[in-house]
Amino acid sequence: MLVLTRRIEESVVVGDAAGLEEMVKVTVLSIDGGRARLGFEVAAHIPVHRQEVWQRIHGKPQNRATKDT
């Protein structure tokens, strides 16, 4: 797991280094009381889900660490 520290309005980009392939840009929009609000920029055909939603879609068992509280 890669762990990065970002401040509000700073981003992380995941994708091809040459910039020719699809990419995902994640930006920290706000931080409040231990919760970060993130913005995702991706191509329209790439689905983006919270992990617990993805697990339900794919019929995976949900563990307590990823369950919404």
PDB file of N, CA and C in Angstrom:
ATOM      1  N   MET A   1       0.847  -1.177   0.000  1.00  0.00           N
ATOM      2  CA  MET A   1       0.000   0.000   0.000  1.00  0.00           C
ATOM      3  C   MET A   1       0.891   1.239   0.000  1.00  0.00           C
ATOM      4  N   LEU A   2       0.587   2.141  -0.895  1.00  0.00           N
ATOM      5  CA  LEU A   2       1.264   3.426  -0.945  1.00  0.00           C
ATOM      6  C   LEU A   2       0.503   4.385  -0.039  1.00  0.00           C
ATOM      7  N   VAL A   3       1.194   5.059   0.858  1.00  0.00           N
ATOM      8  CA  VAL A   3       0.566   6.019   1.768  1.00  0.00           C
ATOM      9  C   VAL A   3       1.127   7.404   1.457  1.00  0.00           C
ATOM     10  N   LEU A   4       0.236   8.345   1.169  1.00  0.00           N
ATOM     11  CA  LEU A   4       0.634   9.711   0.841  1.00  0.00           C
ATOM     12  C   LEU A   4      -0.076  10.695   1.760  1.00  0.00           C
ATOM     13  N   THR A   5       0.550  11.808   1.997  1.00  0.00           N
ATOM     14  CA  THR A   5      -0.073  12.892   2.739  1.00  0.00           C
ATOM     15  C   THR A   5      -0.404  14.008   1.757  1.00  0.00           C
ATOM     16  N   ARG A   6      -1.632  14.472   1.780  1.00  0.00           N
ATOM     17  CA  ARG A   6      -2.088  15.545   0.903  1.00  0.00           C
ATOM     18  C   ARG A   6      -2.830  16.565   1.743  1.00  0.00           C
ATOM     19  N   ARG A   7      -2.738  17.815   1.360  1.00  0.00           N
ATOM     20  CA  ARG A   7      -3.497  18.880   2.007  1.00  0.00           C
ATOM     21  C   ARG A   7      -4.706  19.212   1.150  1.00  0.00           C
ATOM     22  N   ILE A   8      -5.584  20.049   1.665  1.00  0.00           N
ATOM     23  CA  ILE A   8      -6.771  20.464   0.923  1.00  0.00           C
ATOM     24  C   ILE A   8      -6.349  21.072  -0.417  1.00  0.00           C
ATOM     25  N   GLU A   9      -7.051  20.671  -1.476  1.00  0.00           N
ATOM     26  CA  GLU A   9      -6.840  21.079  -2.861  1.00  0.00           C
ATOM     27  C   GLU A   9      -5.596  20.473  -3.495  1.00  0.00           C
ATOM     28  N   GLU A  10      -4.894  19.550  -2.804  1.00  0.00           N
ATOM     29  CA  GLU A  10      -3.797  18.812  -3.413  1.00  0.00           C
ATOM     30  C   GLU A  10      -4.358  17.498  -3.961  1.00  0.00           C
ATOM     31  N   SER A  11      -3.715  16.980  -5.012  1.00  0.00           N
ATOM     32  CA  SER A  11      -4.239  15.815  -5.715  1.00  0.00           C
ATOM     33  C   SER A  11      -3.214  14.706  -5.819  1.00  0.00           C
ATOM     34  N   VAL A  12      -3.719  13.528  -6.177  1.00  0.00           N
ATOM     35  CA  VAL A  12      -2.918  12.368  -6.533  1.00  0.00           C
ATOM     36  C   VAL A  12      -3.448  11.898  -7.877  1.00  0.00           C
ATOM     37  N   VAL A  13      -2.538  11.567  -8.806  1.00  0.00           N
ATOM     38  CA  VAL A  13      -2.941  11.083 -10.125  1.00  0.00           C
ATOM     39  C   VAL A  13      -2.453   9.653 -10.276  1.00  0.00           C
ATOM     40  N   VAL A  14      -3.358   8.766 -10.732  1.00  0.00           N
ATOM     41  CA  VAL A  14      -3.034   7.371 -10.980  1.00  0.00           C
ATOM     42  C   VAL A  14      -3.244   7.125 -12.464  1.00  0.00           C
ATOM     43  N   GLY A  15      -2.198   6.668 -13.149  1.00  0.00           N
ATOM     44  CA  GLY A  15      -2.336   6.390 -14.575  1.00  0.00           C
ATOM     45  C   GLY A  15      -0.985   6.284 -15.245  1.00  0.00           C
ATOM     46  N   ASP A  16      -1.003   6.231 -16.552  1.00  0.00           N
ATOM     47  CA  ASP A  16       0.195   6.067 -17.361  1.00  0.00           C
ATOM     48  C   ASP A  16       1.116   7.278 -17.225  1.00  0.00           C
ATOM     49  N   ALA A  17       2.404   7.029 -17.026  1.00  0.00           N
ATOM     50  CA  ALA A  17       3.377   8.109 -16.857  1.00  0.00           C
ATOM     51  C   ALA A  17       3.485   8.986 -18.104  1.00  0.00           C
ATOM     52  N   ALA A  18       3.239   8.417 -19.277  1.00  0.00           N
ATOM     53  CA  ALA A  18       3.332   9.185 -20.516  1.00  0.00           C
ATOM     54  C   ALA A  18       2.111  10.083 -20.716  1.00  0.00           C
ATOM     55  N   GLY A  19       1.079   9.886 -19.889  1.00  0.00           N
ATOM     56  CA  GLY A  19      -0.109  10.714 -19.971  1.00  0.00           C
ATOM     57  C   GLY A  19      -1.021  10.372 -21.133  1.00  0.00           C
ATOM     58  N   LEU A  20      -0.787   9.235 -21.775  1.00  0.00           N
ATOM     59  CA  LEU A  20      -1.578   8.859 -22.944  1.00  0.00           C
ATOM     60  C   LEU A  20      -2.750   7.948 -22.610  1.00  0.00           C
ATOM     61  N   GLU A  21      -2.667   7.282 -21.501  1.00  0.00           N
ATOM     62  CA  GLU A  21      -3.706   6.326 -21.108  1.00  0.00           C
ATOM     63  C   GLU A  21      -4.685   6.977 -20.143  1.00  0.00           C
ATOM     64  N   GLU A  22      -5.718   6.229 -19.787  1.00  0.00           N
ATOM     65  CA  GLU A  22      -6.703   6.693 -18.813  1.00  0.00           C
ATOM     66  C   GLU A  22      -6.019   7.027 -17.491  1.00  0.00           C
ATOM     67  N   MET A  23      -6.559   7.973 -16.784  1.00  0.00           N
ATOM     68  CA  MET A  23      -6.028   8.309 -15.470  1.00  0.00           C
ATOM     69  C   MET A  23      -7.163   8.590 -14.511  1.00  0.00           C
ATOM     70  N   VAL A  24      -6.824   8.506 -13.237  1.00  0.00           N
ATOM     71  CA  VAL A  24      -7.748   8.855 -12.164  1.00  0.00           C
ATOM     72  C   VAL A  24      -7.071   9.950 -11.358  1.00  0.00           C
ATOM     73  N   LYS A  25      -7.763  11.058 -11.150  1.00  0.00           N
ATOM     74  CA  LYS A  25      -7.241  12.150 -10.332  1.00  0.00           C
ATOM     75  C   LYS A  25      -8.117  12.256  -9.096  1.00  0.00           C
ATOM     76  N   VAL A  26      -7.488  12.171  -7.921  1.00  0.00           N
ATOM     77  CA  VAL A  26      -8.190  12.268  -6.647  1.00  0.00           C
ATOM     78  C   VAL A  26      -7.695  13.528  -5.937  1.00  0.00           C
ATOM     79  N   THR A  27      -8.634  14.395  -5.563  1.00  0.00           N
ATOM     80  CA  THR A  27      -8.289  15.666  -4.915  1.00  0.00           C
ATOM     81  C   THR A  27      -8.949  15.734  -3.542  1.00  0.00           C
ATOM     82  N   VAL A  28      -8.194  16.171  -2.539  1.00  0.00           N
ATOM     83  CA  VAL A  28      -8.748  16.394  -1.200  1.00  0.00           C
ATOM     84  C   VAL A  28      -9.513  17.705  -1.247  1.00  0.00           C
ATOM     85  N   LEU A  29     -10.829  17.637  -1.021  1.00  0.00           N
ATOM     86  CA  LEU A  29     -11.666  18.834  -1.063  1.00  0.00           C
ATOM     87  C   LEU A  29     -11.797  19.490   0.301  1.00  0.00           C
ATOM     88  N   SER A  30     -11.916  18.658   1.353  1.00  0.00           N
ATOM     89  CA  SER A  30     -12.014  19.197   2.708  1.00  0.00           C
ATOM     90  C   SER A  30     -11.675  18.110   3.709  1.00  0.00           C
ATOM     91  N   ILE A  31     -11.332  18.544   4.900  1.00  0.00           N
ATOM     92  CA  ILE A  31     -11.067  17.637   6.010  1.00  0.00           C
ATOM     93  C   ILE A  31     -11.805  18.195   7.201  1.00  0.00           C
ATOM     94  N   ASP A  32     -12.647  17.356   7.822  1.00  0.00           N
ATOM     95  CA  ASP A  32     -13.454  17.824   8.939  1.00  0.00           C
ATOM     96  C   ASP A  32     -13.629  16.701   9.949  1.00  0.00           C
ATOM     97  N   GLY A  33     -13.117  16.889  11.141  1.00  0.00           N
ATOM     98  CA  GLY A  33     -13.312  15.918  12.214  1.00  0.00           C
ATOM     99  C   GLY A  33     -12.842  14.516  11.886  1.00  0.00           C
ATOM    100  N   GLY A  34     -11.705  14.384  11.245  1.00  0.00           N
ATOM    101  CA  GLY A  34     -11.177  13.072  10.938  1.00  0.00           C
ATOM    102  C   GLY A  34     -11.728  12.456   9.662  1.00  0.00           C
ATOM    103  N   ARG A  35     -12.562  13.185   8.935  1.00  0.00           N
ATOM    104  CA  ARG A  35     -13.102  12.699   7.665  1.00  0.00           C
ATOM    105  C   ARG A  35     -12.582  13.574   6.534  1.00  0.00           C
ATOM    106  N   ALA A  36     -12.149  12.913   5.471  1.00  0.00           N
ATOM    107  CA  ALA A  36     -11.693  13.643   4.292  1.00  0.00           C
ATOM    108  C   ALA A  36     -12.763  13.556   3.221  1.00  0.00           C
ATOM    109  N   ARG A  37     -13.035  14.659   2.562  1.00  0.00           N
ATOM    110  CA  ARG A  37     -13.964  14.683   1.431  1.00  0.00           C
ATOM    111  C   ARG A  37     -13.101  14.705   0.176  1.00  0.00           C
ATOM    112  N   LEU A  38     -13.288  13.708  -0.696  1.00  0.00           N
ATOM    113  CA  LEU A  38     -12.445  13.539  -1.870  1.00  0.00           C
ATOM    114  C   LEU A  38     -13.234  13.776  -3.144  1.00  0.00           C
ATOM    115  N   GLY A  39     -12.591  14.346  -4.143  1.00  0.00           N
ATOM    116  CA  GLY A  39     -13.180  14.497  -5.464  1.00  0.00           C
ATOM    117  C   GLY A  39     -12.432  13.611  -6.441  1.00  0.00           C
ATOM    118  N   PHE A  40     -13.154  12.920  -7.329  1.00  0.00           N
ATOM    119  CA  PHE A  40     -12.558  11.993  -8.291  1.00  0.00           C
ATOM    120  C   PHE A  40     -12.841  12.489  -9.699  1.00  0.00           C
ATOM    121  N   GLU A  41     -11.792  12.590 -10.515  1.00  0.00           N
ATOM    122  CA  GLU A  41     -11.946  12.924 -11.925  1.00  0.00           C
ATOM    123  C   GLU A  41     -11.497  11.707 -12.728  1.00  0.00           C
ATOM    124  N   VAL A  42     -12.445  11.107 -13.450  1.00  0.00           N
ATOM    125  CA  VAL A  42     -12.163   9.922 -14.266  1.00  0.00           C
ATOM    126  C   VAL A  42     -12.991  10.013 -15.538  1.00  0.00           C
ATOM    127  N   ALA A  43     -12.641   9.219 -16.525  1.00  0.00           N
ATOM    128  CA  ALA A  43     -13.442   9.150 -17.745  1.00  0.00           C
ATOM    129  C   ALA A  43     -14.836   8.643 -17.383  1.00  0.00           C
ATOM    130  N   ALA A  44     -15.838   9.090 -18.126  1.00  0.00           N
ATOM    131  CA  ALA A  44     -17.230   8.765 -17.817  1.00  0.00           C
ATOM    132  C   ALA A  44     -17.518   7.268 -17.812  1.00  0.00           C
ATOM    133  N   HIS A  45     -16.764   6.477 -18.574  1.00  0.00           N
ATOM    134  CA  HIS A  45     -17.026   5.042 -18.645  1.00  0.00           C
ATOM    135  C   HIS A  45     -16.353   4.240 -17.530  1.00  0.00           C
ATOM    136  N   ILE A  46     -15.608   4.896 -16.646  1.00  0.00           N
ATOM    137  CA  ILE A  46     -14.938   4.212 -15.541  1.00  0.00           C
ATOM    138  C   ILE A  46     -15.797   4.363 -14.292  1.00  0.00           C
ATOM    139  N   PRO A  47     -16.315   3.237 -13.743  1.00  0.00           N
ATOM    140  CA  PRO A  47     -17.139   3.342 -12.539  1.00  0.00           C
ATOM    141  C   PRO A  47     -16.293   3.650 -11.306  1.00  0.00           C
ATOM    142  N   VAL A  48     -16.833   4.437 -10.406  1.00  0.00           N
ATOM    143  CA  VAL A  48     -16.179   4.741  -9.132  1.00  0.00           C
ATOM    144  C   VAL A  48     -17.195   4.451  -8.030  1.00  0.00           C
ATOM    145  N   HIS A  49     -16.819   3.590  -7.080  1.00  0.00           N
ATOM    146  CA  HIS A  49     -17.708   3.193  -5.993  1.00  0.00           C
ATOM    147  C   HIS A  49     -16.945   3.209  -4.674  1.00  0.00           C
ATOM    148  N   ARG A  50     -17.665   3.432  -3.574  1.00  0.00           N
ATOM    149  CA  ARG A  50     -17.100   3.158  -2.260  1.00  0.00           C
ATOM    150  C   ARG A  50     -16.866   1.658  -2.193  1.00  0.00           C
ATOM    151  N   GLN A  51     -15.903   1.230  -1.391  1.00  0.00           N
ATOM    152  CA  GLN A  51     -15.556  -0.188  -1.338  1.00  0.00           C
ATOM    153  C   GLN A  51     -16.739  -1.061  -0.942  1.00  0.00           C
ATOM    154  N   GLU A  52     -17.542  -0.637   0.035  1.00  0.00           N
ATOM    155  CA  GLU A  52     -18.655  -1.469   0.481  1.00  0.00           C
ATOM    156  C   GLU A  52     -19.717  -1.615  -0.606  1.00  0.00           C
ATOM    157  N   VAL A  53     -19.883  -0.595  -1.447  1.00  0.00           N
ATOM    158  CA  VAL A  53     -20.811  -0.686  -2.567  1.00  0.00           C
ATOM    159  C   VAL A  53     -20.253  -1.649  -3.614  1.00  0.00           C
ATOM    160  N   TRP A  54     -18.978  -1.534  -3.936  1.00  0.00           N
ATOM    161  CA  TRP A  54     -18.339  -2.431  -4.890  1.00  0.00           C
ATOM    162  C   TRP A  54     -18.471  -3.883  -4.439  1.00  0.00           C
ATOM    163  N   GLN A  55     -18.282  -4.125  -3.130  1.00  0.00           N
ATOM    164  CA  GLN A  55     -18.404  -5.483  -2.605  1.00  0.00           C
ATOM    165  C   GLN A  55     -19.820  -6.017  -2.780  1.00  0.00           C
ATOM    166  N   ARG A  56     -20.837  -5.184  -2.541  1.00  0.00           N
ATOM    167  CA  ARG A  56     -22.229  -5.619  -2.746  1.00  0.00           C
ATOM    168  C   ARG A  56     -22.498  -5.923  -4.213  1.00  0.00           C
ATOM    169  N   ILE A  57     -22.026  -5.070  -5.106  1.00  0.00           N
ATOM    170  CA  ILE A  57     -22.223  -5.270  -6.543  1.00  0.00           C
ATOM    171  C   ILE A  57     -21.627  -6.598  -6.986  1.00  0.00           C
ATOM    172  N   HIS A  58     -20.458  -6.925  -6.456  1.00  0.00           N
ATOM    173  CA  HIS A  58     -19.737  -8.120  -6.875  1.00  0.00           C
ATOM    174  C   HIS A  58     -19.984  -9.319  -5.966  1.00  0.00           C
ATOM    175  N   GLY A  59     -20.923  -9.203  -5.041  1.00  0.00           N
ATOM    176  CA  GLY A  59     -21.280 -10.328  -4.185  1.00  0.00           C
ATOM    177  C   GLY A  59     -20.186 -10.750  -3.226  1.00  0.00           C
ATOM    178  N   LYS A  60     -19.329  -9.826  -2.845  1.00  0.00           N
ATOM    179  CA  LYS A  60     -18.241 -10.124  -1.906  1.00  0.00           C
ATOM    180  C   LYS A  60     -18.732  -9.892  -0.484  1.00  0.00           C
ATOM    181  N   PRO A  61     -18.302 -10.729   0.453  1.00  0.00           N
ATOM    182  CA  PRO A  61     -18.690 -10.481   1.852  1.00  0.00           C
ATOM    183  C   PRO A  61     -18.075  -9.179   2.345  1.00  0.00           C
ATOM    184  N   GLN A  62     -18.835  -8.459   3.143  1.00  0.00           N
ATOM    185  CA  GLN A  62     -18.383  -7.172   3.671  1.00  0.00           C
ATOM    186  C   GLN A  62     -17.772  -7.398   5.042  1.00  0.00           C
ATOM    187  N   ASN A  63     -16.542  -6.892   5.237  1.00  0.00           N
ATOM    188  CA  ASN A  63     -15.956  -7.023   6.571  1.00  0.00           C
ATOM    189  C   ASN A  63     -16.234  -5.761   7.376  1.00  0.00           C
ATOM    190  N   ARG A  64     -16.101  -5.854   8.678  1.00  0.00           N
ATOM    191  CA  ARG A  64     -16.444  -4.731   9.572  1.00  0.00           C
ATOM    192  C   ARG A  64     -15.602  -3.497   9.325  1.00  0.00           C
ATOM    193  N   ALA A  65     -14.359  -3.653   8.899  1.00  0.00           N
ATOM    194  CA  ALA A  65     -13.454  -2.500   8.694  1.00  0.00           C
ATOM    195  C   ALA A  65     -13.962  -1.591   7.581  1.00  0.00           C
ATOM    196  N   THR A  66     -14.732  -2.121   6.611  1.00  0.00           N
ATOM    197  CA  THR A  66     -15.183  -1.289   5.504  1.00  0.00           C
ATOM    198  C   THR A  66     -16.647  -0.919   5.607  1.00  0.00           C
ATOM    199  N   LYS A  67     -17.338  -1.393   6.639  1.00  0.00           N
ATOM    200  CA  LYS A  67     -18.759  -1.122   6.795  1.00  0.00           C
ATOM    201  C   LYS A  67     -18.987   0.320   7.229  1.00  0.00           C
ATOM    202  N   ASP A  68     -19.985   0.991   6.629  1.00  0.00           N
ATOM    203  CA  ASP A  68     -20.335   2.350   7.043  1.00  0.00           C
ATOM    204  C   ASP A  68     -20.820   2.345   8.484  1.00  0.00           C
ATOM    205  N   THR A  69     -20.493   3.392   9.218  1.00  0.00           N
ATOM    206  CA  THR A  69     -20.960   3.497  10.612  1.00  0.00           C
ATOM    207  C   THR A  69     -21.983   4.581  10.740  1.00  0.00           C
TER     208      THR A  69
END
